[in-house]
Amino acid sequence: MKLSIVKIGGNVIENKEELSKFLKAFSELDGPKILVHGGGKLATQLGKRLGIESKLIGGRRITDAQSLELITMVYGGLVNKNIVAELQSLNCNAIGLSGADGNTIQAHKRPVKDIDYGFAGDVDGVSAPTVSKLLEAGLTPVFCAMTHDGKGQLLNTNADTIASELSIGMSENYETTLYYCFEKKGVLMDVNDDASVVKHIDSQSYQSLLEQNVIADGMLPKMENCFHALKRNVHQVRIGDIGMLDPKSTLFTTLTL
């Protein structure tokens, strides 16, 4: 059976109109599906209002105890429940989850090397049987970017990584396609030209694009997650904007080994 796992980018989440468009397209995807979201930009905005300073290094959040409280409220509450409510209005029977719920995603606190990321989690494993039971019950899991360590500690975990690890775990029983949905139409040869989409990338062309500096900065960790998933039996990975969820669309980037 086919399964779609879609990770939604922060720029879509914070734009109410784009989020509504995305959720409608997501709700219309055939077959079982899973949604993964973060909410870092909203957490930063709310943090400013509450006087909580967000500390980011290389685009990654330093999660101290105060920041962890903030993102638990924003990711697990504000963003997650609004998405679930809107999906219900679209006749998509969604259930909001963190990795702690049903023990679906366990992780460990990232060890301190050069930087102490605080309560940041690196995924150890996904409980595919538990997630499968939800899908078989006709539910659509909506995961926020939080996991737990099995000892009572919540952990902030990169949403791209959660989507990748979920797709790997679920690929034992499903033909899984992983979608990274953000504001661009795919990987672009020219960042200033939205029409310059690289339609297909495999391991060989990926190396070439790296050397040409076409893939750089924030796209690097995303691509690492893509190939990590593909090497562990995920059927296909797609990167693009909301339009790629339309079965008729051809303008997005497909990644294969």
C-alpha atoms as a PDB file:
ATOM      1  CA  MET A   1       0.000   0.000   0.000  1.00  0.00           C
ATOM      2  CA  LYS A   2       1.161   3.533  -0.788  1.00  0.00           C
ATOM      3  CA  LEU A   3       1.755   6.087   1.980  1.00  0.00           C
ATOM      4  CA  SER A   4       2.403   9.826   1.658  1.00  0.00           C
ATOM      5  CA  ILE A   5       4.428  11.609   4.349  1.00  0.00           C
ATOM      6  CA  VAL A   6       4.449  15.393   3.933  1.00  0.00           C
ATOM      7  CA  LYS A   7       6.622  17.854   5.837  1.00  0.00           C
ATOM      8  CA  ILE A   8       5.360  21.429   5.679  1.00  0.00           C
ATOM      9  CA  GLY A   9       7.806  24.356   5.805  1.00  0.00           C
ATOM     10  CA  GLY A  10       7.664  27.277   8.227  1.00  0.00           C
ATOM     11  CA  ASN A  11       7.001  29.927   5.569  1.00  0.00           C
ATOM     12  CA  VAL A  12       3.787  28.098   4.627  1.00  0.00           C
ATOM     13  CA  ILE A  13       2.723  27.649   8.273  1.00  0.00           C
ATOM     14  CA  GLU A  14       2.969  31.352   9.104  1.00  0.00           C
ATOM     15  CA  ASN A  15       0.966  32.448   6.014  1.00  0.00           C
ATOM     16  CA  LYS A  16      -2.689  31.725   6.855  1.00  0.00           C
ATOM     17  CA  GLU A  17      -3.852  31.783   3.227  1.00  0.00           C
ATOM     18  CA  GLU A  18      -1.020  29.508   2.022  1.00  0.00           C
ATOM     19  CA  LEU A  19      -1.570  27.158   4.968  1.00  0.00           C
ATOM     20  CA  SER A  20      -5.269  26.807   4.096  1.00  0.00           C
ATOM     21  CA  LYS A  21      -4.369  26.079   0.457  1.00  0.00           C
ATOM     22  CA  PHE A  22      -1.813  23.510   1.539  1.00  0.00           C
ATOM     23  CA  LEU A  23      -4.174  21.744   3.967  1.00  0.00           C
ATOM     24  CA  LYS A  24      -6.865  21.491   1.287  1.00  0.00           C
ATOM     25  CA  ALA A  25      -4.362  19.919  -1.132  1.00  0.00           C
ATOM     26  CA  PHE A  26      -3.048  17.622   1.610  1.00  0.00           C
ATOM     27  CA  SER A  27      -6.562  16.505   2.595  1.00  0.00           C
ATOM     28  CA  GLU A  28      -7.225  15.517  -1.031  1.00  0.00           C
ATOM     29  CA  LEU A  29      -4.186  13.202  -1.291  1.00  0.00           C
ATOM     30  CA  ASP A  30      -5.330   9.647  -1.991  1.00  0.00           C
ATOM     31  CA  GLY A  31      -4.671   6.903   0.531  1.00  0.00           C
ATOM     32  CA  PRO A  32      -3.117   7.017   3.999  1.00  0.00           C
ATOM     33  CA  LYS A  33      -1.011  10.059   4.826  1.00  0.00           C
ATOM     34  CA  ILE A  34       1.001  11.684   7.597  1.00  0.00           C
ATOM     35  CA  LEU A  35       1.775  15.368   8.106  1.00  0.00           C
ATOM     36  CA  VAL A  36       4.886  16.693   9.902  1.00  0.00           C
ATOM     37  CA  HIS A  37       5.333  20.339  10.929  1.00  0.00           C
ATOM     38  CA  GLY A  38       7.584  22.605  12.950  1.00  0.00           C
ATOM     39  CA  GLY A  39       6.735  26.199  13.796  1.00  0.00           C
ATOM     40  CA  GLY A  40      10.072  27.812  14.603  1.00  0.00           C
ATOM     41  CA  LYS A  41       9.241  31.228  13.180  1.00  0.00           C
ATOM     42  CA  LEU A  42       6.002  31.438  15.146  1.00  0.00           C
ATOM     43  CA  ALA A  43       7.868  30.323  18.279  1.00  0.00           C
ATOM     44  CA  THR A  44      10.410  33.113  17.727  1.00  0.00           C
ATOM     45  CA  GLN A  45       7.619  35.695  17.251  1.00  0.00           C
ATOM     46  CA  LEU A  46       5.714  34.574  20.362  1.00  0.00           C
ATOM     47  CA  GLY A  47       8.987  34.426  22.303  1.00  0.00           C
ATOM     48  CA  LYS A  48       9.600  38.119  21.540  1.00  0.00           C
ATOM     49  CA  ARG A  49       6.143  38.984  22.869  1.00  0.00           C
ATOM     50  CA  LEU A  50       6.876  37.012  26.053  1.00  0.00           C
ATOM     51  CA  GLY A  51      10.393  38.383  26.428  1.00  0.00           C
ATOM     52  CA  ILE A  52      12.048  35.051  25.617  1.00  0.00           C
ATOM     53  CA  GLU A  53      15.047  35.454  23.349  1.00  0.00           C
ATOM     54  CA  SER A  54      15.501  32.788  20.652  1.00  0.00           C
ATOM     55  CA  LYS A  55      19.094  31.636  20.197  1.00  0.00           C
ATOM     56  CA  LEU A  56      19.929  30.180  16.786  1.00  0.00           C
ATOM     57  CA  ILE A  57      23.279  28.892  15.530  1.00  0.00           C
ATOM     58  CA  GLY A  58      23.499  27.926  11.853  1.00  0.00           C
ATOM     59  CA  GLY A  59      19.696  28.001  11.655  1.00  0.00           C
ATOM     60  CA  ARG A  60      19.352  25.496  14.530  1.00  0.00           C
ATOM     61  CA  ARG A  61      17.623  26.518  17.754  1.00  0.00           C
ATOM     62  CA  ILE A  62      19.453  26.334  21.087  1.00  0.00           C
ATOM     63  CA  THR A  63      16.751  24.828  23.286  1.00  0.00           C
ATOM     64  CA  ASP A  64      17.191  25.831  26.923  1.00  0.00           C
ATOM     65  CA  ALA A  65      14.493  25.016  29.502  1.00  0.00           C
ATOM     66  CA  GLN A  66      12.564  28.232  28.824  1.00  0.00           C
ATOM     67  CA  SER A  67      12.700  27.723  25.045  1.00  0.00           C
ATOM     68  CA  LEU A  68      11.486  24.139  25.484  1.00  0.00           C
ATOM     69  CA  GLU A  69       8.397  25.406  27.325  1.00  0.00           C
ATOM     70  CA  LEU A  70       7.805  27.891  24.495  1.00  0.00           C
ATOM     71  CA  ILE A  71       8.091  25.398  21.647  1.00  0.00           C
ATOM     72  CA  THR A  72       5.954  22.849  23.508  1.00  0.00           C
ATOM     73  CA  MET A  73       3.209  25.466  23.622  1.00  0.00           C
ATOM     74  CA  VAL A  74       3.678  26.582  20.014  1.00  0.00           C
ATOM     75  CA  TYR A  75       4.462  23.303  18.224  1.00  0.00           C
ATOM     76  CA  GLY A  76       2.371  20.894  20.280  1.00  0.00           C
ATOM     77  CA  GLY A  77      -0.442  23.351  21.020  1.00  0.00           C
ATOM     78  CA  LEU A  78      -0.997  26.427  18.871  1.00  0.00           C
ATOM     79  CA  VAL A  79       0.233  25.134  15.494  1.00  0.00           C
ATOM     80  CA  ASN A  80      -0.674  21.452  15.881  1.00  0.00           C
ATOM     81  CA  LYS A  81      -4.230  21.926  17.110  1.00  0.00           C
ATOM     82  CA  ASN A  82      -5.061  24.633  14.556  1.00  0.00           C
ATOM     83  CA  ILE A  83      -3.863  22.344  11.755  1.00  0.00           C
ATOM     84  CA  VAL A  84      -5.869  19.409  13.152  1.00  0.00           C
ATOM     85  CA  ALA A  85      -9.012  21.565  13.463  1.00  0.00           C
ATOM     86  CA  GLU A  86      -8.719  22.829   9.882  1.00  0.00           C
ATOM     87  CA  LEU A  87      -8.159  19.289   8.553  1.00  0.00           C
ATOM     88  CA  GLN A  88     -11.322  18.176  10.381  1.00  0.00           C
ATOM     89  CA  SER A  89     -13.229  20.916   8.528  1.00  0.00           C
ATOM     90  CA  LEU A  90     -11.932  19.333   5.283  1.00  0.00           C
ATOM     91  CA  ASN A  91     -13.247  15.871   6.265  1.00  0.00           C
ATOM     92  CA  CYS A  92      -9.729  14.627   6.996  1.00  0.00           C
ATOM     93  CA  ASN A  93      -9.871  12.855  10.364  1.00  0.00           C
ATOM     94  CA  ALA A  94      -6.585  14.094  11.816  1.00  0.00           C
ATOM     95  CA  ILE A  95      -4.982  13.345  15.181  1.00  0.00           C
ATOM     96  CA  GLY A  96      -2.277  15.625  16.604  1.00  0.00           C
ATOM     97  CA  LEU A  97       0.817  13.967  18.024  1.00  0.00           C
ATOM     98  CA  SER A  98       4.292  14.504  19.397  1.00  0.00           C
ATOM     99  CA  GLY A  99       6.811  11.683  19.458  1.00  0.00           C
ATOM    100  CA  ALA A 100       5.881  11.105  23.123  1.00  0.00           C
ATOM    101  CA  ASP A 101       2.264  10.253  22.243  1.00  0.00           C
ATOM    102  CA  GLY A 102       1.905   6.490  21.924  1.00  0.00           C
ATOM    103  CA  ASN A 103       5.711   6.325  22.289  1.00  0.00           C
ATOM    104  CA  THR A 104       5.767   6.878  18.506  1.00  0.00           C
ATOM    105  CA  ILE A 105       9.216   8.527  18.221  1.00  0.00           C
ATOM    106  CA  GLN A 106      11.991   8.055  20.783  1.00  0.00           C
ATOM    107  CA  ALA A 107      15.143  10.131  20.736  1.00  0.00           C
ATOM    108  CA  HIS A 108      18.138  11.015  22.864  1.00  0.00           C
ATOM    109  CA  LYS A 109      19.451  14.411  23.933  1.00  0.00           C
ATOM    110  CA  ARG A 110      22.093  15.529  21.462  1.00  0.00           C
ATOM    111  CA  PRO A 111      25.562  15.127  23.017  1.00  0.00           C
ATOM    112  CA  VAL A 112      27.582  18.289  23.501  1.00  0.00           C
ATOM    113  CA  LYS A 113      30.448  18.584  21.013  1.00  0.00           C
ATOM    114  CA  ASP A 114      31.370  22.072  19.802  1.00  0.00           C
ATOM    115  CA  ILE A 115      27.923  23.478  20.640  1.00  0.00           C
ATOM    116  CA  ASP A 116      25.478  22.674  23.436  1.00  0.00           C
ATOM    117  CA  TYR A 117      22.066  22.592  21.726  1.00  0.00           C
ATOM    118  CA  GLY A 118      20.287  22.044  25.045  1.00  0.00           C
ATOM    119  CA  PHE A 119      17.116  19.960  24.894  1.00  0.00           C
ATOM    120  CA  ALA A 120      17.550  19.022  21.232  1.00  0.00           C
ATOM    121  CA  GLY A 121      16.776  15.443  20.256  1.00  0.00           C
ATOM    122  CA  ASP A 122      18.329  13.062  17.737  1.00  0.00           C
ATOM    123  CA  VAL A 123      15.922  10.304  16.710  1.00  0.00           C
ATOM    124  CA  ASP A 124      16.609   6.712  17.797  1.00  0.00           C
ATOM    125  CA  GLY A 125      13.590   5.020  16.273  1.00  0.00           C
ATOM    126  CA  VAL A 126       9.955   5.120  15.173  1.00  0.00           C
ATOM    127  CA  SER A 127       7.238   2.782  16.452  1.00  0.00           C
ATOM    128  CA  ALA A 128       5.887   1.848  13.012  1.00  0.00           C
ATOM    129  CA  PRO A 129       3.283  -0.629  14.401  1.00  0.00           C
ATOM    130  CA  THR A 130       1.676   2.117  16.527  1.00  0.00           C
ATOM    131  CA  VAL A 131       1.554   4.596  13.628  1.00  0.00           C
ATOM    132  CA  SER A 132       0.195   1.852  11.342  1.00  0.00           C
ATOM    133  CA  LYS A 133      -2.660   1.190  13.790  1.00  0.00           C
ATOM    134  CA  LEU A 134      -3.659   4.852  13.595  1.00  0.00           C
ATOM    135  CA  LEU A 135      -3.591   4.755   9.790  1.00  0.00           C
ATOM    136  CA  GLU A 136      -5.586   1.509   9.724  1.00  0.00           C
ATOM    137  CA  ALA A 137      -8.191   3.183  11.962  1.00  0.00           C
ATOM    138  CA  GLY A 138      -8.644   5.827   9.246  1.00  0.00           C
ATOM    139  CA  LEU A 139      -6.797   8.550  11.164  1.00  0.00           C
ATOM    140  CA  THR A 140      -4.271  11.001   9.707  1.00  0.00           C
ATOM    141  CA  PRO A 141      -1.396  11.581  12.171  1.00  0.00           C
ATOM    142  CA  VAL A 142      -0.139  15.179  12.394  1.00  0.00           C
ATOM    143  CA  PHE A 143       3.276  15.183  14.092  1.00  0.00           C
ATOM    144  CA  CYS A 144       4.820  18.292  15.604  1.00  0.00           C
ATOM    145  CA  ALA A 145       8.606  18.624  15.827  1.00  0.00           C
ATOM    146  CA  MET A 146       8.940  17.120  19.303  1.00  0.00           C
ATOM    147  CA  THR A 147      10.126  13.731  20.534  1.00  0.00           C
ATOM    148  CA  HIS A 148      10.962  12.248  23.959  1.00  0.00           C
ATOM    149  CA  ASP A 149      13.747  10.247  25.572  1.00  0.00           C
ATOM    150  CA  GLY A 150      11.641   7.590  27.305  1.00  0.00           C
ATOM    151  CA  LYS A 151      12.605   9.029  30.694  1.00  0.00           C
ATOM    152  CA  GLY A 152      10.073  11.830  30.867  1.00  0.00           C
ATOM    153  CA  GLN A 153      12.003  14.450  28.914  1.00  0.00           C
ATOM    154  CA  LEU A 154      10.532  16.163  25.843  1.00  0.00           C
ATOM    155  CA  LEU A 155      13.042  17.104  23.141  1.00  0.00           C
ATOM    156  CA  ASN A 156      12.976  19.657  20.318  1.00  0.00           C
ATOM    157  CA  THR A 157      13.688  17.723  17.118  1.00  0.00           C
ATOM    158  CA  ASN A 158      14.192  18.965  13.558  1.00  0.00           C
ATOM    159  CA  ALA A 159      10.954  18.466  11.566  1.00  0.00           C
ATOM    160  CA  ASP A 160      12.826  17.476   8.375  1.00  0.00           C
ATOM    161  CA  THR A 161      14.559  14.735  10.379  1.00  0.00           C
ATOM    162  CA  ILE A 162      11.284  13.523  11.917  1.00  0.00           C
ATOM    163  CA  ALA A 163       9.734  13.288   8.442  1.00  0.00           C
ATOM    164  CA  SER A 164      12.756  11.364   7.142  1.00  0.00           C
ATOM    165  CA  GLU A 165      12.812   8.939  10.096  1.00  0.00           C
ATOM    166  CA  LEU A 166       9.048   8.387   9.922  1.00  0.00           C
ATOM    167  CA  SER A 167       9.300   7.577   6.217  1.00  0.00           C
ATOM    168  CA  ILE A 168      12.120   5.081   6.923  1.00  0.00           C
ATOM    169  CA  GLY A 169      10.176   3.403   9.724  1.00  0.00           C
ATOM    170  CA  MET A 170       6.954   3.168   7.729  1.00  0.00           C
ATOM    171  CA  SER A 171       8.698   1.846   4.597  1.00  0.00           C
ATOM    172  CA  GLU A 172       8.791  -1.635   6.130  1.00  0.00           C
ATOM    173  CA  ASN A 173       5.050  -1.935   5.466  1.00  0.00           C
ATOM    174  CA  TYR A 174       4.250   0.779   2.926  1.00  0.00           C
ATOM    175  CA  GLU A 175       5.534   2.101  -0.398  1.00  0.00           C
ATOM    176  CA  THR A 176       6.394   5.494   1.057  1.00  0.00           C
ATOM    177  CA  THR A 177       6.808   8.796  -0.758  1.00  0.00           C
ATOM    178  CA  LEU A 178       8.272  11.633   1.301  1.00  0.00           C
ATOM    179  CA  TYR A 179       7.332  15.206   0.350  1.00  0.00           C
ATOM    180  CA  TYR A 180       9.232  18.260   1.570  1.00  0.00           C
ATOM    181  CA  CYS A 181       6.774  21.083   0.885  1.00  0.00           C
ATOM    182  CA  PHE A 182       8.030  24.654   1.133  1.00  0.00           C
ATOM    183  CA  GLU A 183       7.638  27.986  -0.700  1.00  0.00           C
ATOM    184  CA  LYS A 184       9.832  27.184  -3.751  1.00  0.00           C
ATOM    185  CA  LYS A 185       8.861  24.939  -6.673  1.00  0.00           C
ATOM    186  CA  GLY A 186      11.808  22.626  -6.027  1.00  0.00           C
ATOM    187  CA  VAL A 187      15.602  22.708  -6.071  1.00  0.00           C
ATOM    188  CA  LEU A 188      16.470  25.688  -8.300  1.00  0.00           C
ATOM    189  CA  MET A 189      19.494  26.054 -10.598  1.00  0.00           C
ATOM    190  CA  ASP A 190      19.097  29.816 -10.126  1.00  0.00           C
ATOM    191  CA  VAL A 191      17.658  30.859  -6.770  1.00  0.00           C
ATOM    192  CA  ASN A 192      16.230  34.015  -8.405  1.00  0.00           C
ATOM    193  CA  ASP A 193      14.396  32.083 -11.152  1.00  0.00           C
ATOM    194  CA  ASP A 194      11.418  30.060  -9.901  1.00  0.00           C
ATOM    195  CA  ALA A 195      11.161  28.311 -13.269  1.00  0.00           C
ATOM    196  CA  SER A 196      14.715  26.871 -13.070  1.00  0.00           C
ATOM    197  CA  VAL A 197      13.609  23.708 -11.249  1.00  0.00           C
ATOM    198  CA  VAL A 198      15.991  20.728 -11.331  1.00  0.00           C
ATOM    199  CA  LYS A 199      13.393  18.047 -12.047  1.00  0.00           C
ATOM    200  CA  HIS A 200      15.427  14.995 -11.093  1.00  0.00           C
ATOM    201  CA  ILE A 201      18.406  14.493  -8.793  1.00  0.00           C
ATOM    202  CA  ASP A 202      20.194  11.213  -8.133  1.00  0.00           C
ATOM    203  CA  SER A 203      23.355  10.516  -6.116  1.00  0.00           C
ATOM    204  CA  GLN A 204      25.631  11.388  -9.049  1.00  0.00           C
ATOM    205  CA  SER A 205      23.943  14.644 -10.081  1.00  0.00           C
ATOM    206  CA  TYR A 206      23.706  15.612  -6.392  1.00  0.00           C
ATOM    207  CA  GLN A 207      27.510  15.652  -6.142  1.00  0.00           C
ATOM    208  CA  SER A 208      27.699  17.793  -9.276  1.00  0.00           C
ATOM    209  CA  LEU A 209      25.155  20.293  -7.889  1.00  0.00           C
ATOM    210  CA  LEU A 210      27.131  20.492  -4.640  1.00  0.00           C
ATOM    211  CA  GLU A 211      30.316  21.301  -6.565  1.00  0.00           C
ATOM    212  CA  GLN A 212      28.467  24.007  -8.532  1.00  0.00           C
ATOM    213  CA  ASN A 213      27.181  25.439  -5.207  1.00  0.00           C
ATOM    214  CA  VAL A 214      23.599  25.093  -6.481  1.00  0.00           C
ATOM    215  CA  ILE A 215      22.782  23.217  -3.269  1.00  0.00           C
ATOM    216  CA  ALA A 216      24.072  25.156  -0.256  1.00  0.00           C
ATOM    217  CA  ASP A 217      23.138  26.684   3.095  1.00  0.00           C
ATOM    218  CA  GLY A 218      19.711  25.620   4.424  1.00  0.00           C
ATOM    219  CA  MET A 219      19.113  23.199   1.567  1.00  0.00           C
ATOM    220  CA  LEU A 220      22.101  21.038   2.595  1.00  0.00           C
ATOM    221  CA  PRO A 221      20.605  19.402   5.723  1.00  0.00           C
ATOM    222  CA  LYS A 222      17.301  18.903   3.867  1.00  0.00           C
ATOM    223  CA  MET A 223      19.091  17.044   1.055  1.00  0.00           C
ATOM    224  CA  GLU A 224      21.032  14.969   3.580  1.00  0.00           C
ATOM    225  CA  ASN A 225      17.712  13.878   5.096  1.00  0.00           C
ATOM    226  CA  CYS A 226      16.397  13.052   1.601  1.00  0.00           C
ATOM    227  CA  PHE A 227      19.262  10.737   0.677  1.00  0.00           C
ATOM    228  CA  HIS A 228      19.344   9.256   4.184  1.00  0.00           C
ATOM    229  CA  ALA A 229      15.711   8.196   3.600  1.00  0.00           C
ATOM    230  CA  LEU A 230      16.317   6.887   0.085  1.00  0.00           C
ATOM    231  CA  LYS A 231      19.238   4.735   1.244  1.00  0.00           C
ATOM    232  CA  ARG A 232      16.890   3.091   3.751  1.00  0.00           C
ATOM    233  CA  ASN A 233      14.198   1.928   1.319  1.00  0.00           C
ATOM    234  CA  VAL A 234      11.970   5.004   1.077  1.00  0.00           C
ATOM    235  CA  HIS A 235      10.436   4.744  -2.403  1.00  0.00           C
ATOM    236  CA  GLN A 236      10.808   8.357  -3.509  1.00  0.00           C
ATOM    237  CA  VAL A 237      11.404  11.882  -2.181  1.00  0.00           C
ATOM    238  CA  ARG A 238       9.901  15.017  -3.692  1.00  0.00           C
ATOM    239  CA  ILE A 239      10.725  18.660  -2.968  1.00  0.00           C
ATOM    240  CA  GLY A 240       8.488  21.521  -4.094  1.00  0.00           C
ATOM    241  CA  ASP A 241       5.662  23.890  -3.275  1.00  0.00           C
ATOM    242  CA  ILE A 242       1.988  23.171  -2.620  1.00  0.00           C
ATOM    243  CA  GLY A 243       1.437  22.473  -6.327  1.00  0.00           C
ATOM    244  CA  MET A 244       3.366  19.192  -6.201  1.00  0.00           C
ATOM    245  CA  LEU A 245       0.557  17.613  -4.140  1.00  0.00           C
ATOM    246  CA  ASP A 246      -1.657  17.841  -7.243  1.00  0.00           C
ATOM    247  CA  PRO A 247      -1.408  14.475  -9.086  1.00  0.00           C
ATOM    248  CA  LYS A 248      -1.280  16.378 -12.423  1.00  0.00           C
ATOM    249  CA  SER A 249       1.708  18.520 -11.418  1.00  0.00           C
ATOM    250  CA  THR A 250       5.124  17.913 -12.982  1.00  0.00           C
ATOM    251  CA  LEU A 251       6.970  20.987 -11.666  1.00  0.00           C
ATOM    252  CA  PHE A 252       8.885  19.752  -8.604  1.00  0.00           C
ATOM    253  CA  THR A 253      12.165  17.980  -7.835  1.00  0.00           C
ATOM    254  CA  THR A 254      12.178  14.188  -7.574  1.00  0.00           C
ATOM    255  CA  LEU A 255      15.060  12.497  -5.770  1.00  0.00           C
ATOM    256  CA  THR A 256      16.122   8.896  -6.305  1.00  0.00           C
ATOM    257  CA  LEU A 257      19.328   6.997  -5.630  1.00  0.00           C
END
